[in-house]
């Protein structure tokens, strides 16, 4: 039994959702053992790459990141089409936009961020040294597969980390190809071999083993709650997200035409698979009918009482969300539910009376179906939004359309979320695409959502800073660090200050020989464990 397998058996916290667990045959067990051995080699290769990458300077890091970003951007349309074909849901043109934003868009946003080298504060006599995490294990979802792959690779490269991507099984082919696209571009630009890797055949034993292995430095988990909980239970540092359930309040001061357009655009974007999409629309009674007319002009279909019941039965059979509706367009869902909606319908509106836990339309819906709730006034709307988030979605996002700053602030203070989008589509706004929030495909939900990070996740969360702090006594002279760089520094005896020498561009014969020997020893160790016992 290998070291990785032993660790998994001791600590296995469960796997990501939507993976089908079957009784393992002898051949399947052998395949799993072989995959675990290969995963161990990936981790060792990643550790070597991470150590080498940490020695590169800012210009080299940006050159590598830009090359990867440009490669992903150039194939944004190609992967958008592939994702929709492989998963069966989403909108190609919208996935293309996300792929572009998560490749070159992420690079452009963070290229001036200080993520390498030294930060010197002479007045406080403190020097901060950037320290990358090391090997990042990234889990990606089926809903936003390639855009999340691009995003996580970009933030890993910008912060000089190695990354191993485990795609969702429903999107493994397109994701694996996307990872290799960026990996090849990064290596051509000077990245160490193995800095970007992918698991071609993800499985529960493999994912749980990699999450629990001590050679994994941090887990980036984007997906369902069970998978995120598993990441936090792995024994390794993890950055995960909680479920969403976005309420959107429209008060009497809002520009109703703009609010209607923005809500429909947001809810229909990529068939509502972004977790930042609106879940329930709360409207003041005084303007509700007018708002509905504007929304119908934008392509919303208001279900009758009978149609709402049909939609309820289809969307939540037995009280659980029907995964067949995930990411499907509004007309497909309407047809499946027995509703005759106009051909140009973009979203379905499902009215309900009370924001109770038993009301299924008060829950998160990753499809273009929007719950609709009338309230007597803005204060009752604020209370309704707070109630919805008590059931689900704590720490995530909320939206409001209003011109009254007092109402916006009251709404913000009432709802337990960490981003409130004002007068903008929430799908794109909370993700940082239509607002000045940091662009992301991983939403931190903070203490409210039982998450370690409360802001939009970015490369800064994959870097820690070692602080050199001098005695604050004025008589103690602060050192001169203005011309020093961590990757150039030597110890007093003239030896390298860092444990691993920087690889030469392209790798010399000696470098490659040492790496091959290291990998050979890893292979021997894993094979010995597998076939001779431990």
Protein backbone atom coordinates (compact mmCIF):
# COMPACT_ATOMS: atom_id res chain seq x y z
CA UNK A 1 0.00 0.00 0.00
CA UNK A 2 1.45 3.37 -1.01
CA UNK A 3 2.06 6.29 1.30
CA UNK A 4 -0.73 8.22 -0.45
CA UNK A 5 -3.19 5.36 -0.12
CA UNK A 6 -2.47 4.96 3.60
CA UNK A 7 -3.06 8.65 4.16
CA UNK A 8 -6.34 8.49 2.26
CA UNK A 9 -7.61 5.54 4.29
CA UNK A 10 -6.81 7.32 7.53
CA UNK A 11 -8.30 10.68 6.68
CA UNK A 12 -10.61 10.30 3.68
CA UNK A 13 -13.19 13.04 4.16
CA UNK A 14 -15.45 12.21 1.23
CA UNK A 15 -15.32 13.30 -2.38
CA UNK A 16 -16.73 15.91 -4.68
CA UNK A 17 -20.41 15.74 -5.62
CA UNK A 18 -21.78 14.08 -8.72
CA UNK A 19 -19.16 11.33 -8.77
CA UNK A 20 -20.86 7.93 -8.92
CA UNK A 21 -19.47 5.47 -6.39
CA UNK A 22 -19.46 1.86 -7.57
CA UNK A 23 -18.23 -1.34 -6.01
CA UNK A 24 -14.58 -1.62 -7.03
CA UNK A 25 -13.51 -4.69 -8.98
CA UNK A 26 -9.97 -6.05 -8.71
CA UNK A 27 -9.01 -4.42 -12.00
CA UNK A 28 -10.49 -1.09 -10.90
CA UNK A 29 -8.56 -1.30 -7.64
CA UNK A 30 -5.33 -1.89 -9.57
CA UNK A 31 -6.11 1.07 -11.80
CA UNK A 32 -6.71 3.24 -8.75
CA UNK A 33 -3.41 2.13 -7.25
CA UNK A 34 -1.62 2.97 -10.49
CA UNK A 35 -3.32 6.37 -10.61
CA UNK A 36 -2.33 7.05 -7.01
CA UNK A 37 1.26 6.22 -7.89
CA UNK A 38 1.13 8.62 -10.82
CA UNK A 39 -0.44 11.26 -8.59
CA UNK A 40 2.48 10.90 -6.19
CA UNK A 41 4.85 11.53 -9.07
CA UNK A 42 2.80 14.58 -10.10
CA UNK A 43 3.14 15.99 -6.59
CA UNK A 44 6.90 15.44 -6.55
CA UNK A 45 7.22 16.99 -9.99
CA UNK A 46 5.07 19.88 -8.79
CA UNK A 47 7.26 20.38 -5.71
CA UNK A 48 10.36 20.58 -7.87
CA UNK A 49 8.65 23.02 -10.23
CA UNK A 50 7.35 25.17 -7.35
CA UNK A 51 10.81 25.44 -5.80
CA UNK A 52 12.31 26.46 -9.14
CA UNK A 53 9.46 28.86 -9.93
CA UNK A 54 9.89 30.63 -6.58
CA UNK A 55 13.38 31.67 -7.73
CA UNK A 56 12.15 33.60 -10.76
CA UNK A 57 11.96 37.39 -10.72
CA UNK A 58 8.91 39.54 -11.40
CA UNK A 59 9.61 40.12 -15.10
CA UNK A 60 10.05 36.39 -15.74
CA UNK A 61 6.87 35.61 -13.78
CA UNK A 62 4.84 38.13 -15.76
CA UNK A 63 6.23 36.84 -19.06
CA UNK A 64 5.13 33.32 -18.16
CA UNK A 65 1.70 34.43 -16.96
CA UNK A 66 1.10 36.55 -20.05
CA UNK A 67 2.02 33.71 -22.37
CA UNK A 68 -0.49 31.44 -20.65
CA UNK A 69 -3.15 34.17 -20.70
CA UNK A 70 -2.67 34.83 -24.40
CA UNK A 71 -2.86 31.12 -25.21
CA UNK A 72 -6.13 30.71 -23.32
CA UNK A 73 -7.59 33.91 -24.76
CA UNK A 74 -6.83 32.80 -28.32
CA UNK A 75 -8.82 29.58 -27.83
CA UNK A 76 -11.70 31.06 -25.80
CA UNK A 77 -14.26 30.31 -28.53
CA UNK A 78 -12.89 26.82 -29.15
CA UNK A 79 -13.21 25.82 -25.50
CA UNK A 80 -16.61 27.50 -25.12
CA UNK A 81 -17.98 25.29 -27.89
CA UNK A 82 -16.27 22.21 -26.46
CA UNK A 83 -17.64 22.81 -22.94
CA UNK A 84 -21.24 23.08 -24.13
CA UNK A 85 -20.86 19.98 -26.29
CA UNK A 86 -19.27 17.93 -23.50
CA UNK A 87 -21.46 19.01 -20.57
CA UNK A 88 -24.70 19.65 -22.47
CA UNK A 89 -25.49 22.98 -20.84
CA UNK A 90 -24.63 26.66 -20.93
CA UNK A 91 -24.38 29.24 -23.70
CA UNK A 92 -21.36 29.26 -26.03
CA UNK A 93 -21.14 33.03 -26.46
CA UNK A 94 -21.31 33.57 -22.70
CA UNK A 95 -18.71 30.90 -21.97
CA UNK A 96 -16.43 32.59 -24.49
CA UNK A 97 -16.75 35.86 -22.55
CA UNK A 98 -15.89 34.09 -19.29
CA UNK A 99 -12.91 32.33 -20.88
CA UNK A 100 -11.57 35.66 -22.12
CA UNK A 101 -12.11 37.39 -18.79
CA UNK A 102 -10.45 34.53 -16.89
CA UNK A 103 -7.36 34.47 -19.08
CA UNK A 104 -6.18 37.84 -20.35
CA UNK A 105 -8.66 39.66 -18.10
CA UNK A 106 -7.11 38.17 -14.95
CA UNK A 107 -3.60 38.96 -16.19
CA UNK A 108 -4.51 42.59 -16.95
CA UNK A 109 -6.16 43.05 -13.55
CA UNK A 110 -3.26 41.68 -11.48
CA UNK A 111 -0.14 42.40 -13.56
CA UNK A 112 0.75 45.45 -11.43
CA UNK A 113 0.00 43.72 -8.12
CA UNK A 114 3.16 43.26 -5.97
CA UNK A 115 3.25 39.47 -5.62
CA UNK A 116 7.00 38.83 -5.79
CA UNK A 117 10.18 40.19 -4.27
CA UNK A 118 10.44 42.58 -1.32
CA UNK A 119 8.19 45.26 0.16
CA UNK A 120 10.27 47.71 2.21
CA UNK A 121 8.82 49.98 4.89
CA UNK A 122 11.83 51.93 6.17
CA UNK A 123 9.75 54.05 8.55
CA UNK A 124 8.42 50.98 10.38
CA UNK A 125 11.69 49.09 9.83
CA UNK A 126 9.92 46.11 8.29
CA UNK A 127 10.79 44.16 5.14
CA UNK A 128 8.23 41.75 3.67
CA UNK A 129 9.39 38.85 1.50
CA UNK A 130 6.89 37.13 -0.84
CA UNK A 131 6.59 33.38 -0.18
CA UNK A 132 4.44 31.35 -2.61
CA UNK A 133 2.34 28.51 -1.20
CA UNK A 134 4.07 25.83 -3.27
CA UNK A 135 1.85 23.15 -4.84
CA UNK A 136 -1.79 24.13 -5.35
CA UNK A 137 -4.38 21.39 -5.85
CA UNK A 138 -7.31 22.87 -7.77
CA UNK A 139 -10.77 21.32 -8.03
CA UNK A 140 -12.97 22.75 -10.78
CA UNK A 141 -16.75 22.46 -11.37
CA UNK A 142 -18.85 21.29 -14.28
CA UNK A 143 -20.82 24.54 -14.40
CA UNK A 144 -17.93 26.87 -15.27
CA UNK A 145 -15.21 24.36 -16.16
CA UNK A 146 -12.70 25.94 -18.54
CA UNK A 147 -13.14 29.48 -17.22
CA UNK A 148 -12.36 28.19 -13.72
CA UNK A 149 -9.37 26.22 -15.04
CA UNK A 150 -8.06 29.39 -16.73
CA UNK A 151 -8.69 31.46 -13.61
CA UNK A 152 -6.93 29.09 -11.22
CA UNK A 153 -3.93 28.57 -13.49
CA UNK A 154 -3.59 32.33 -13.93
CA UNK A 155 -3.64 33.13 -10.22
CA UNK A 156 -1.17 30.30 -9.56
CA UNK A 157 1.25 31.55 -12.22
CA UNK A 158 0.99 35.18 -11.14
CA UNK A 159 1.89 34.13 -7.58
CA UNK A 160 4.69 31.70 -8.68
CA UNK A 161 2.97 28.51 -7.56
CA UNK A 162 2.79 25.11 -9.18
CA UNK A 163 -0.74 23.84 -9.77
CA UNK A 164 -2.35 20.44 -10.32
CA UNK A 165 -5.88 20.68 -11.74
CA UNK A 166 -8.54 18.04 -11.06
CA UNK A 167 -11.45 18.76 -13.44
CA UNK A 168 -15.03 17.67 -12.85
CA UNK A 169 -15.65 14.30 -14.58
CA UNK A 170 -18.45 15.82 -16.69
CA UNK A 171 -15.96 18.24 -18.27
CA UNK A 172 -12.68 16.36 -18.02
CA UNK A 173 -11.77 16.26 -21.73
CA UNK A 174 -12.14 19.96 -22.48
CA UNK A 175 -10.52 20.92 -19.16
CA UNK A 176 -7.52 18.63 -19.62
CA UNK A 177 -6.91 20.09 -23.06
CA UNK A 178 -7.27 23.64 -21.70
CA UNK A 179 -4.74 22.93 -18.95
CA UNK A 180 -2.23 21.60 -21.47
CA UNK A 181 -2.79 24.64 -23.70
CA UNK A 182 -1.76 26.98 -20.89
CA UNK A 183 0.97 24.66 -19.60
CA UNK A 184 2.69 24.48 -22.98
CA UNK A 185 2.56 28.26 -23.39
CA UNK A 186 3.94 28.81 -19.88
CA UNK A 187 6.84 26.38 -20.41
CA UNK A 188 7.68 27.95 -23.77
CA UNK A 189 7.94 31.28 -21.91
CA UNK A 190 10.35 29.85 -19.32
CA UNK A 191 8.20 28.18 -16.67
CA UNK A 192 9.75 25.12 -15.00
CA UNK A 193 8.56 21.77 -16.30
CA UNK A 194 5.63 20.53 -14.21
CA UNK A 195 4.46 23.91 -12.98
CA UNK A 196 1.00 23.25 -14.53
CA UNK A 197 -0.39 19.69 -14.56
CA UNK A 198 -3.77 18.01 -14.94
CA UNK A 199 -5.41 14.78 -13.81
CA UNK A 200 -6.93 13.21 -16.92
CA UNK A 201 -9.11 10.66 -15.10
CA UNK A 202 -10.34 12.12 -11.79
CA UNK A 203 -11.86 9.73 -9.25
CA UNK A 204 -12.93 9.86 -5.62
CA UNK A 205 -9.91 7.87 -4.29
CA UNK A 206 -7.53 10.01 -6.32
CA UNK A 207 -9.05 13.35 -5.32
CA UNK A 208 -9.27 12.47 -1.64
CA UNK A 209 -5.69 11.19 -1.67
CA UNK A 210 -4.34 14.35 -3.26
CA UNK A 211 -6.34 16.56 -0.90
CA UNK A 212 -4.96 14.74 2.14
CA UNK A 213 -1.37 14.27 0.96
CA UNK A 214 1.12 16.36 2.96
CA UNK A 215 2.87 17.35 -0.26
CA UNK A 216 -0.21 19.39 -1.23
CA UNK A 217 0.35 22.89 0.13
CA UNK A 218 -3.11 24.38 -0.42
CA UNK A 219 -6.42 23.25 -1.94
CA UNK A 220 -8.48 25.59 -4.14
CA UNK A 221 -11.98 24.11 -4.06
CA UNK A 222 -14.75 25.40 -6.34
CA UNK A 223 -17.86 23.24 -6.56
CA UNK A 224 -20.61 21.76 -4.43
CA UNK A 225 -20.77 21.93 -0.65
CA UNK A 226 -19.77 18.27 -0.03
CA UNK A 227 -16.58 18.73 -2.03
CA UNK A 228 -15.72 21.98 -0.27
CA UNK A 229 -16.35 20.41 3.14
CA UNK A 230 -14.09 17.52 2.11
CA UNK A 231 -11.34 19.99 1.23
CA UNK A 232 -11.61 21.68 4.63
CA UNK A 233 -11.56 18.28 6.34
CA UNK A 234 -8.48 17.05 4.49
CA UNK A 235 -5.92 18.22 7.03
CA UNK A 236 -4.35 20.59 4.49
CA UNK A 237 -4.96 24.34 4.11
CA UNK A 238 -7.98 24.94 1.87
CA UNK A 239 -9.70 27.88 0.21
CA UNK A 240 -13.32 27.02 -0.54
CA UNK A 241 -16.70 28.59 -1.10
CA UNK A 242 -20.20 28.17 0.27
CA UNK A 243 -23.51 27.84 -1.62
CA UNK A 244 -25.25 30.94 -2.93
CA UNK A 245 -28.90 32.01 -2.78
CA UNK A 246 -28.84 35.58 -4.07
CA UNK A 247 -31.80 37.82 -3.16
CA UNK A 248 -32.32 40.92 -5.31
CA UNK A 249 -34.47 43.77 -3.99
CA UNK A 250 -36.05 46.37 -6.27
CA UNK A 251 -37.45 49.33 -4.32
CA UNK A 252 -39.75 52.17 -5.36
CA UNK A 253 -36.85 54.54 -6.15
CA UNK A 254 -35.21 52.25 -8.72
CA UNK A 255 -35.04 52.89 -12.44
CA UNK A 256 -37.42 50.06 -13.27
CA UNK A 257 -36.57 49.72 -16.96
CA UNK A 258 -32.86 49.44 -16.22
CA UNK A 259 -33.44 47.14 -13.24
CA UNK A 260 -35.59 44.79 -15.34
CA UNK A 261 -33.04 44.65 -18.16
CA UNK A 262 -30.13 44.04 -15.79
CA UNK A 263 -31.90 41.29 -13.86
CA UNK A 264 -32.96 39.42 -17.02
CA UNK A 265 -29.47 39.80 -18.53
CA UNK A 266 -27.93 38.45 -15.33
CA UNK A 267 -30.33 35.57 -14.78
CA UNK A 268 -30.08 34.40 -18.39
CA UNK A 269 -26.28 34.76 -18.60
CA UNK A 270 -24.85 31.32 -19.45
CA UNK A 271 -28.23 29.88 -18.43
CA UNK A 272 -27.63 30.93 -14.83
CA UNK A 273 -24.75 28.59 -13.94
CA UNK A 274 -22.68 31.27 -12.21
CA UNK A 275 -23.24 30.97 -8.46
CA UNK A 276 -23.59 34.77 -8.33
CA UNK A 277 -26.89 34.73 -10.25
CA UNK A 278 -30.09 36.07 -8.66
CA UNK A 279 -32.27 33.45 -6.98
CA UNK A 280 -35.28 35.43 -5.74
CA UNK A 281 -36.58 38.80 -6.94
CA UNK A 282 -38.19 40.87 -4.17
CA UNK A 283 -40.25 43.84 -5.37
CA UNK A 284 -42.13 46.56 -3.53
CA UNK A 285 -45.85 46.15 -4.19
CA UNK A 286 -46.21 49.76 -5.43
CA UNK A 287 -43.92 49.13 -8.40
CA UNK A 288 -44.18 45.35 -8.81
CA UNK A 289 -46.61 45.29 -11.74
CA UNK A 290 -44.70 47.95 -13.65
CA UNK A 291 -41.44 46.11 -13.02
CA UNK A 292 -42.99 42.89 -14.30
CA UNK A 293 -44.11 44.60 -17.51
CA UNK A 294 -40.56 45.83 -18.11
CA UNK A 295 -39.21 42.36 -17.42
CA UNK A 296 -41.65 40.75 -19.82
CA UNK A 297 -40.42 43.21 -22.47
CA UNK A 298 -36.90 41.91 -21.82
CA UNK A 299 -37.89 38.25 -22.25
CA UNK A 300 -39.16 37.17 -18.82
CA UNK A 301 -42.19 34.87 -18.69
CA UNK A 302 -44.45 35.19 -15.63
CA UNK A 303 -45.87 31.77 -14.76
CA UNK A 304 -49.51 31.48 -13.77
CA UNK A 305 -50.46 29.75 -10.53
CA UNK A 306 -51.01 26.46 -12.37
CA UNK A 307 -47.78 26.82 -14.35
CA UNK A 308 -45.87 27.61 -11.17
CA UNK A 309 -47.06 24.32 -9.69
CA UNK A 310 -45.99 22.43 -12.82
CA UNK A 311 -42.61 24.13 -12.66
CA UNK A 312 -42.32 23.30 -8.95
CA UNK A 313 -43.01 19.61 -9.66
CA UNK A 314 -40.46 19.49 -12.48
CA UNK A 315 -37.72 21.57 -10.87
CA UNK A 316 -37.87 20.09 -7.37
CA UNK A 317 -39.19 16.50 -7.54
CA UNK A 318 -39.23 15.11 -4.02
CA UNK A 319 -38.00 18.49 -2.77
CA UNK A 320 -34.57 18.17 -4.42
CA UNK A 321 -33.30 20.18 -7.38
CA UNK A 322 -33.61 18.34 -10.68
CA UNK A 323 -30.08 18.21 -12.14
CA UNK A 324 -31.57 17.81 -15.61
CA UNK A 325 -32.50 21.50 -15.37
CA UNK A 326 -28.97 22.61 -14.48
CA UNK A 327 -27.77 25.18 -17.00
CA UNK A 328 -30.62 24.52 -19.46
CA UNK A 329 -32.31 27.37 -21.29
CA UNK A 330 -35.69 28.70 -20.22
CA UNK A 331 -37.62 27.25 -23.17
CA UNK A 332 -36.24 23.76 -22.58
CA UNK A 333 -37.21 23.92 -18.91
CA UNK A 334 -40.65 25.28 -19.76
CA UNK A 335 -41.23 22.48 -22.27
CA UNK A 336 -40.12 19.81 -19.80
CA UNK A 337 -42.48 21.28 -17.20
CA UNK A 338 -45.43 21.40 -19.60
CA UNK A 339 -45.48 25.20 -19.89
CA UNK A 340 -46.09 26.90 -23.25
CA UNK A 341 -43.81 29.93 -23.06
CA UNK A 342 -43.01 32.26 -26.01
CA UNK A 343 -40.03 31.25 -28.15
CA UNK A 344 -38.04 34.32 -27.10
CA UNK A 345 -38.36 33.59 -23.37
CA UNK A 346 -35.05 34.16 -21.56
CA UNK A 347 -36.08 33.49 -17.95
CA UNK A 348 -39.09 32.07 -16.08
CA UNK A 349 -40.61 33.94 -13.13
CA UNK A 350 -42.14 31.78 -10.39
CA UNK A 351 -44.26 33.79 -7.90
CA UNK A 352 -44.59 32.67 -4.28
CA UNK A 353 -46.02 34.23 -1.12
CA UNK A 354 -43.71 33.62 1.84
CA UNK A 355 -39.90 33.23 2.18
CA UNK A 356 -40.08 29.96 4.14
CA UNK A 357 -37.59 27.07 4.20
CA UNK A 358 -40.30 24.80 2.79
CA UNK A 359 -40.69 27.00 -0.30
CA UNK A 360 -38.50 25.46 -2.99
CA UNK A 361 -38.47 28.63 -5.11
CA UNK A 362 -36.77 30.39 -2.19
CA UNK A 363 -33.69 28.20 -2.76
CA UNK A 364 -30.67 28.45 -5.07
CA UNK A 365 -31.52 27.58 -8.69
CA UNK A 366 -28.66 27.21 -11.18
CA UNK A 367 -30.99 27.65 -14.13
CA UNK A 368 -32.94 30.61 -15.59
CA UNK A 369 -35.84 30.31 -13.11
CA UNK A 370 -36.27 33.27 -10.76
CA UNK A 371 -38.48 33.23 -7.69
CA UNK A 372 -40.72 36.32 -7.39
CA UNK A 373 -41.95 37.82 -4.12
CA UNK A 374 -44.03 40.96 -3.53
CA UNK A 375 -43.56 42.93 -0.29
CA UNK A 376 -45.50 45.92 1.10
CA UNK A 377 -42.46 48.19 1.40
CA UNK A 378 -38.66 48.33 1.26
CA UNK A 379 -38.26 47.44 4.94
CA UNK A 380 -40.25 44.25 4.48
CA UNK A 381 -38.12 43.53 1.42
CA UNK A 382 -34.97 43.86 3.50
CA UNK A 383 -36.45 41.44 6.07
CA UNK A 384 -37.40 38.97 3.33
CA UNK A 385 -33.87 39.02 1.89
CA UNK A 386 -32.45 38.43 5.36
CA UNK A 387 -34.80 35.48 5.85
CA UNK A 388 -33.81 33.89 2.51
CA UNK A 389 -30.14 34.06 3.43
CA UNK A 390 -30.76 32.43 6.80
CA UNK A 391 -31.83 29.29 4.92
CA UNK A 392 -28.90 29.25 2.49
CA UNK A 393 -26.28 31.48 0.89
CA UNK A 394 -24.68 33.06 3.98
CA UNK A 395 -21.57 35.07 3.18
CA UNK A 396 -22.09 34.96 -0.60
CA UNK A 397 -23.84 37.76 -2.50
CA UNK A 398 -26.97 39.93 -2.68
CA UNK A 399 -28.18 42.65 -5.05
CA UNK A 400 -30.34 45.74 -4.85
CA UNK A 401 -31.72 48.21 -7.38
CA UNK A 402 -32.31 51.54 -5.66
CA UNK A 403 -31.39 55.23 -5.73
CA UNK A 404 -31.76 55.55 -1.96
CA UNK A 405 -28.40 55.19 -0.18
CA UNK A 406 -30.13 54.71 3.17
CA UNK A 407 -32.05 51.71 1.84
CA UNK A 408 -28.89 50.31 0.24
CA UNK A 409 -27.01 50.58 3.53
CA UNK A 410 -29.91 49.14 5.56
CA UNK A 411 -30.10 46.23 3.12
CA UNK A 412 -26.34 45.68 3.37
CA UNK A 413 -26.37 45.65 7.16
CA UNK A 414 -29.33 43.25 7.29
CA UNK A 415 -28.08 40.55 4.91
CA UNK A 416 -25.21 38.30 5.99
CA UNK A 417 -23.25 38.48 2.75
CA UNK A 418 -19.86 39.92 1.87
CA UNK A 419 -20.70 41.54 -1.47
CA UNK A 420 -23.77 43.62 -2.31
CA UNK A 421 -24.18 44.57 -5.96
CA UNK A 422 -26.04 47.85 -6.60
CA UNK A 423 -27.81 48.67 -9.88
CA UNK A 424 -25.90 46.01 -11.84
CA UNK A 425 -26.40 42.41 -12.98
CA UNK A 426 -25.40 40.29 -9.99
CA UNK A 427 -24.05 37.33 -11.99
CA UNK A 428 -21.41 39.53 -13.55
CA UNK A 429 -21.25 42.14 -10.78
CA UNK A 430 -20.41 39.96 -7.78
CA UNK A 431 -17.86 38.08 -9.90
CA UNK A 432 -16.13 41.39 -10.62
CA UNK A 433 -16.92 41.61 -14.33
CA UNK A 434 -19.51 44.44 -14.26
CA UNK A 435 -18.22 46.13 -11.08
CA UNK A 436 -14.80 47.05 -9.75
CA UNK A 437 -14.69 44.05 -7.43
CA UNK A 438 -11.78 41.72 -8.15
CA UNK A 439 -12.65 39.39 -11.07
CA UNK A 440 -12.90 35.81 -9.86
CA UNK A 441 -14.38 32.37 -10.35
CA UNK A 442 -14.07 31.55 -6.63
CA UNK A 443 -16.22 33.56 -4.22
CA UNK A 444 -15.02 33.68 -0.62
CA UNK A 445 -17.91 33.59 1.84
CA UNK A 446 -16.01 34.31 5.05
CA UNK A 447 -17.25 33.57 8.54
CA UNK A 448 -20.91 33.85 7.47
CA UNK A 449 -20.42 31.02 4.97
CA UNK A 450 -17.94 28.96 7.01
CA UNK A 451 -15.10 29.87 4.64
CA UNK A 452 -11.53 30.95 5.35
CA UNK A 453 -11.64 33.93 2.94
CA UNK A 454 -14.30 36.59 2.66
CA UNK A 455 -13.32 38.40 -0.53
CA UNK A 456 -13.12 37.44 -4.19
CA UNK A 457 -10.24 34.97 -4.37
CA UNK A 458 -7.16 36.07 -6.31
CA UNK A 459 -3.40 35.42 -6.58
CA UNK A 460 -2.74 37.38 -3.38
CA UNK A 461 -4.35 34.54 -1.44
CA UNK A 462 -1.68 32.12 -2.69
CA UNK A 463 1.18 34.22 -1.33
CA UNK A 464 2.22 34.80 2.27
CA UNK A 465 4.75 37.39 3.35
CA UNK A 466 7.62 36.66 5.71
CA UNK A 467 8.25 39.83 7.72
CA UNK A 468 11.71 40.94 8.78
CA UNK A 469 11.08 43.21 11.76
CA UNK A 470 13.85 45.32 13.32
CA UNK A 471 13.99 46.62 16.86
CA UNK A 472 11.91 49.82 16.90
CA UNK A 473 14.45 51.53 19.14
CA UNK A 474 15.66 54.58 17.14
CA UNK A 475 19.29 53.73 17.91
CA UNK A 476 19.00 50.42 16.04
CA UNK A 477 19.86 51.06 12.40
CA UNK A 478 17.58 49.60 9.74
CA UNK A 479 19.39 47.60 7.05
CA UNK A 480 19.68 48.59 3.39
CA UNK A 481 17.58 46.24 1.22
CA UNK A 482 17.06 48.56 -1.76
CA UNK A 483 19.30 46.61 -4.15
CA UNK A 484 18.64 43.10 -2.91
CA UNK A 485 16.38 40.49 -4.47
CA UNK A 486 15.48 37.17 -2.77
CA UNK A 487 16.36 35.10 -5.84
CA UNK A 488 19.89 36.61 -6.04
CA UNK A 489 20.88 36.59 -2.38
CA UNK A 490 23.73 34.41 -1.12
CA UNK A 491 24.56 33.20 2.36
CA UNK A 492 27.66 34.66 4.10
CA UNK A 493 29.75 31.66 3.02
CA UNK A 494 28.92 32.32 -0.62
CA UNK A 495 26.45 29.46 -1.04
CA UNK A 496 22.96 29.96 -2.45
CA UNK A 497 20.58 31.42 0.10
CA UNK A 498 17.69 29.34 -1.19
CA UNK A 499 17.63 25.57 -1.16
CA UNK A 500 17.14 25.00 -4.87
CA UNK A 501 19.20 26.61 -7.65
CA UNK A 502 17.26 28.43 -10.33
CA UNK A 503 16.92 26.36 -13.51
CA UNK A 504 18.67 27.70 -16.60
CA UNK A 505 16.44 28.81 -19.46
CA UNK A 506 15.30 25.61 -21.15
CA UNK A 507 17.23 23.48 -18.62
CA UNK A 508 20.83 22.32 -18.90
CA UNK A 509 21.91 18.71 -19.17
CA UNK A 510 22.85 18.68 -15.49
CA UNK A 511 19.51 20.17 -14.44
CA UNK A 512 17.55 17.65 -16.48
CA UNK A 513 19.70 14.77 -15.28
CA UNK A 514 19.13 15.68 -11.63
CA UNK A 515 15.38 16.02 -12.20
CA UNK A 516 15.18 12.67 -14.02
CA UNK A 517 17.08 10.98 -11.20
CA UNK A 518 14.75 12.52 -8.61
CA UNK A 519 11.67 11.37 -10.54
CA UNK A 520 13.22 7.92 -11.01
CA UNK A 521 13.66 7.56 -7.26
CA UNK A 522 10.03 8.61 -6.71
CA UNK A 523 8.86 5.99 -9.22
CA UNK A 524 10.94 3.28 -7.55
CA UNK A 525 9.56 4.21 -4.13
CA UNK A 526 5.95 4.16 -5.34
CA UNK A 527 6.36 0.85 -7.21
CA UNK A 528 8.05 -0.75 -4.21
CA UNK A 529 5.15 0.36 -2.02
CA UNK A 530 2.58 -0.94 -4.47
CA UNK A 531 3.98 -4.36 -5.25
CA UNK A 532 6.12 -5.27 -2.25
CA UNK A 533 4.05 -3.82 0.58
CA UNK A 534 5.25 -1.37 3.18
